[in-house]
């Protein structure tokens, strides 16, 4: 396959989830097309119909929505080796209520919704791949809900540092704060407090 190195991370992700033969793998991969997205570009807006599933090869995508008061809430962050899409709109073909934005100069491998569903019809294992993806998305949403309803600001920040330090290392404070459902000022206080603790 042309530019095989670009597809290596995606191939490994698929192989961790399902077993397919070489012919099936090549058929899957040929439906994913490389796309460069500039930092801060928004590729899906609320009200649009999402037609794409994205796999992050380099960079970072975030999914967020905007509350009535104008506050951004970051629901999901995808770094290298992760999928990201406005899933509800992708499945239902109803207008999206979310935005999808590149937080860094990003390279994704995109598959069109029609091609994605075509693969579901012709490759039985691809249905398992989609089921596992949906299960992961559900678990992620439940985990976030649990975090928001049972943990205070400091606990949420400490948990993020332990489980996903890449978020703090690579993204600006305002994005980290919106991901943890707190103000940038609260996040700054948490960071100062932790840094001031005796080692």
Protein backbone atom coordinates (compact mmCIF):
# COMPACT_ATOMS: atom_id res chain seq x y z
CA UNK A 1 0.00 0.00 0.00
CA UNK A 2 1.18 3.52 -0.84
CA UNK A 3 2.58 5.39 2.18
CA UNK A 4 2.36 2.22 4.26
CA UNK A 5 4.15 3.86 7.20
CA UNK A 6 1.28 6.34 7.58
CA UNK A 7 -1.08 3.43 8.15
CA UNK A 8 1.05 1.45 10.58
CA UNK A 9 -0.45 2.92 13.75
CA UNK A 10 -3.98 2.35 12.42
CA UNK A 11 -3.14 -1.20 11.39
CA UNK A 12 -1.85 -1.93 14.90
CA UNK A 13 -4.97 -0.44 16.48
CA UNK A 14 -7.23 -2.64 14.34
CA UNK A 15 -5.16 -5.78 14.98
CA UNK A 16 -5.47 -5.25 18.75
CA UNK A 17 -9.25 -5.40 18.42
CA UNK A 18 -10.13 -7.88 15.66
CA UNK A 19 -8.60 -10.64 13.56
CA UNK A 20 -8.75 -10.14 9.81
CA UNK A 21 -6.78 -11.66 6.96
CA UNK A 22 -4.38 -9.63 4.86
CA UNK A 23 -6.89 -9.04 2.07
CA UNK A 24 -9.49 -7.75 4.51
CA UNK A 25 -6.95 -5.52 6.24
CA UNK A 26 -5.89 -3.95 2.96
CA UNK A 27 -9.54 -3.37 2.06
CA UNK A 28 -10.16 -1.64 5.38
CA UNK A 29 -7.06 0.54 5.17
CA UNK A 30 -7.69 1.66 1.60
CA UNK A 31 -10.90 3.34 2.72
CA UNK A 32 -8.99 5.57 5.16
CA UNK A 33 -7.49 8.69 3.58
CA UNK A 34 -4.71 10.84 5.11
CA UNK A 35 -5.69 14.40 5.92
CA UNK A 36 -3.66 17.23 7.47
CA UNK A 37 -5.51 19.58 9.81
CA UNK A 38 -3.94 22.84 10.93
CA UNK A 39 -3.80 23.72 14.61
CA UNK A 40 -7.05 25.27 15.92
CA UNK A 41 -9.00 24.34 12.77
CA UNK A 42 -12.57 23.19 13.41
CA UNK A 43 -13.58 20.34 11.12
CA UNK A 44 -17.08 19.77 12.49
CA UNK A 45 -19.44 22.42 13.86
CA UNK A 46 -22.68 22.18 15.79
CA UNK A 47 -25.55 21.95 13.33
CA UNK A 48 -23.52 20.14 10.67
CA UNK A 49 -23.98 16.49 9.71
CA UNK A 50 -20.93 14.43 10.57
CA UNK A 51 -19.74 12.22 7.71
CA UNK A 52 -16.29 11.22 8.96
CA UNK A 53 -14.60 8.92 11.44
CA UNK A 54 -11.08 10.13 12.28
CA UNK A 55 -8.05 8.18 13.46
CA UNK A 56 -5.28 10.38 14.89
CA UNK A 57 -1.87 9.45 13.49
CA UNK A 58 -0.12 12.60 14.74
CA UNK A 59 -1.39 15.42 16.92
CA UNK A 60 -4.57 15.87 18.91
CA UNK A 61 -8.28 16.31 18.28
CA UNK A 62 -10.79 17.49 20.83
CA UNK A 63 -14.57 17.14 20.87
CA UNK A 64 -16.41 19.90 22.69
CA UNK A 65 -19.78 21.60 22.99
CA UNK A 66 -20.75 25.13 23.95
CA UNK A 67 -23.18 25.77 26.80
CA UNK A 68 -25.90 28.42 26.65
CA UNK A 69 -23.66 30.81 28.60
CA UNK A 70 -20.92 30.45 25.97
CA UNK A 71 -18.67 28.22 28.06
CA UNK A 72 -16.83 25.48 26.17
CA UNK A 73 -16.93 21.99 27.65
CA UNK A 74 -14.36 19.53 26.33
CA UNK A 75 -15.88 16.06 26.28
CA UNK A 76 -13.11 14.02 24.67
CA UNK A 77 -9.46 14.31 23.68
CA UNK A 78 -7.82 12.02 21.15
CA UNK A 79 -4.05 11.76 20.79
CA UNK A 80 -1.96 9.47 18.59
CA UNK A 81 -3.52 6.05 18.10
CA UNK A 82 -7.06 7.08 19.04
CA UNK A 83 -10.30 7.56 17.12
CA UNK A 84 -12.41 10.70 17.35
CA UNK A 85 -15.73 11.61 15.79
CA UNK A 86 -19.00 13.32 16.58
CA UNK A 87 -20.46 9.89 17.20
CA UNK A 88 -24.14 10.72 17.71
CA UNK A 89 -24.34 12.60 14.40
CA UNK A 90 -22.22 9.96 12.65
CA UNK A 91 -24.69 7.23 13.65
CA UNK A 92 -28.03 9.02 13.44
CA UNK A 93 -27.26 11.54 10.68
CA UNK A 94 -28.91 14.20 12.79
CA UNK A 95 -27.20 17.59 13.17
CA UNK A 96 -24.22 17.51 15.52
CA UNK A 97 -24.39 19.33 18.83
CA UNK A 98 -20.61 19.08 19.17
CA UNK A 99 -17.53 20.59 17.57
CA UNK A 100 -14.35 18.79 16.53
CA UNK A 101 -11.11 20.80 16.60
CA UNK A 102 -7.41 20.13 16.03
CA UNK A 103 -5.43 21.24 19.08
CA UNK A 104 -2.09 20.79 17.30
CA UNK A 105 -1.03 20.44 13.69
CA UNK A 106 -2.64 17.06 13.20
CA UNK A 107 -2.57 14.19 10.71
CA UNK A 108 -5.63 11.99 10.66
CA UNK A 109 -6.75 9.00 8.64
CA UNK A 110 -10.39 9.59 7.73
CA UNK A 111 -13.06 7.18 6.60
CA UNK A 112 -16.33 8.39 5.13
CA UNK A 113 -19.52 7.20 6.83
CA UNK A 114 -20.75 5.41 3.68
CA UNK A 115 -17.46 3.52 3.41
CA UNK A 116 -17.51 2.70 7.12
CA UNK A 117 -20.97 1.15 6.86
CA UNK A 118 -19.99 -0.62 3.63
CA UNK A 119 -17.21 -2.37 5.55
CA UNK A 120 -19.77 -3.42 8.18
CA UNK A 121 -21.66 -5.27 5.45
CA UNK A 122 -18.76 -7.06 3.82
CA UNK A 123 -16.35 -7.79 6.70
CA UNK A 124 -18.02 -9.50 9.69
CA UNK A 125 -15.12 -8.68 12.01
CA UNK A 126 -15.57 -4.96 11.32
CA UNK A 127 -18.91 -5.16 13.13
CA UNK A 128 -17.07 -6.38 16.23
CA UNK A 129 -14.63 -3.50 15.81
CA UNK A 130 -17.54 -1.04 15.79
CA UNK A 131 -19.20 -2.72 18.79
CA UNK A 132 -15.98 -2.44 20.78
CA UNK A 133 -15.62 1.20 19.75
CA UNK A 134 -19.17 1.95 20.91
CA UNK A 135 -18.54 0.13 24.20
CA UNK A 136 -15.37 2.18 24.80
CA UNK A 137 -17.25 5.40 24.03
CA UNK A 138 -19.99 4.46 26.50
CA UNK A 139 -17.52 3.57 29.23
CA UNK A 140 -15.64 6.83 28.65
CA UNK A 141 -18.85 8.84 29.04
CA UNK A 142 -19.78 6.99 32.23
CA UNK A 143 -16.27 7.52 33.62
CA UNK A 144 -16.48 11.26 32.94
CA UNK A 145 -19.94 11.47 34.50
CA UNK A 146 -18.70 9.65 37.59
CA UNK A 147 -15.68 11.97 37.81
CA UNK A 148 -17.82 15.08 37.55
CA UNK A 149 -20.39 13.97 40.14
CA UNK A 150 -18.20 12.34 42.80
CA UNK A 151 -14.85 14.15 42.78
CA UNK A 152 -13.93 17.69 43.73
CA UNK A 153 -11.66 19.90 41.61
CA UNK A 154 -8.41 18.78 43.23
CA UNK A 155 -9.31 15.09 42.96
CA UNK A 156 -10.18 15.51 39.28
CA UNK A 157 -6.86 17.21 38.56
CA UNK A 158 -4.80 14.67 40.50
CA UNK A 159 -6.57 11.84 38.71
CA UNK A 160 -5.78 13.42 35.34
CA UNK A 161 -2.11 13.81 36.28
CA UNK A 162 -1.97 10.13 37.19
CA UNK A 163 -3.96 8.63 34.31
CA UNK A 164 -3.48 11.06 31.40
CA UNK A 165 -0.52 13.38 32.06
CA UNK A 166 -0.21 13.95 28.31
CA UNK A 167 -3.27 16.21 28.51
CA UNK A 168 -1.54 18.59 30.93
CA UNK A 169 1.81 18.33 29.13
CA UNK A 170 0.55 19.15 25.64
CA UNK A 171 -2.57 21.30 25.96
CA UNK A 172 -3.12 24.87 27.22
CA UNK A 173 -4.66 25.49 30.63
CA UNK A 174 -8.01 26.66 29.28
CA UNK A 175 -8.51 23.35 27.44
CA UNK A 176 -7.44 21.29 30.44
CA UNK A 177 -9.84 23.29 32.61
CA UNK A 178 -12.72 22.78 30.19
CA UNK A 179 -11.98 19.03 30.16
CA UNK A 180 -12.08 18.90 33.96
CA UNK A 181 -15.21 21.07 34.18
CA UNK A 182 -13.58 23.85 36.15
CA UNK A 183 -12.56 27.43 35.50
CA UNK A 184 -8.99 28.23 34.40
CA UNK A 185 -8.59 30.12 37.68
CA UNK A 186 -9.52 27.01 39.70
CA UNK A 187 -7.09 24.94 37.65
CA UNK A 188 -4.30 27.45 38.31
CA UNK A 189 -4.98 27.23 42.05
CA UNK A 190 -4.84 23.43 41.91
CA UNK A 191 -1.53 23.52 40.07
CA UNK A 192 0.01 26.01 42.52
CA UNK A 193 -1.23 24.01 45.49
CA UNK A 194 0.28 20.77 44.22
CA UNK A 195 3.57 22.44 43.26
CA UNK A 196 3.83 24.03 46.74
CA UNK A 197 3.40 20.73 48.54
CA UNK A 198 6.58 19.38 50.19
CA UNK A 199 8.29 16.75 48.08
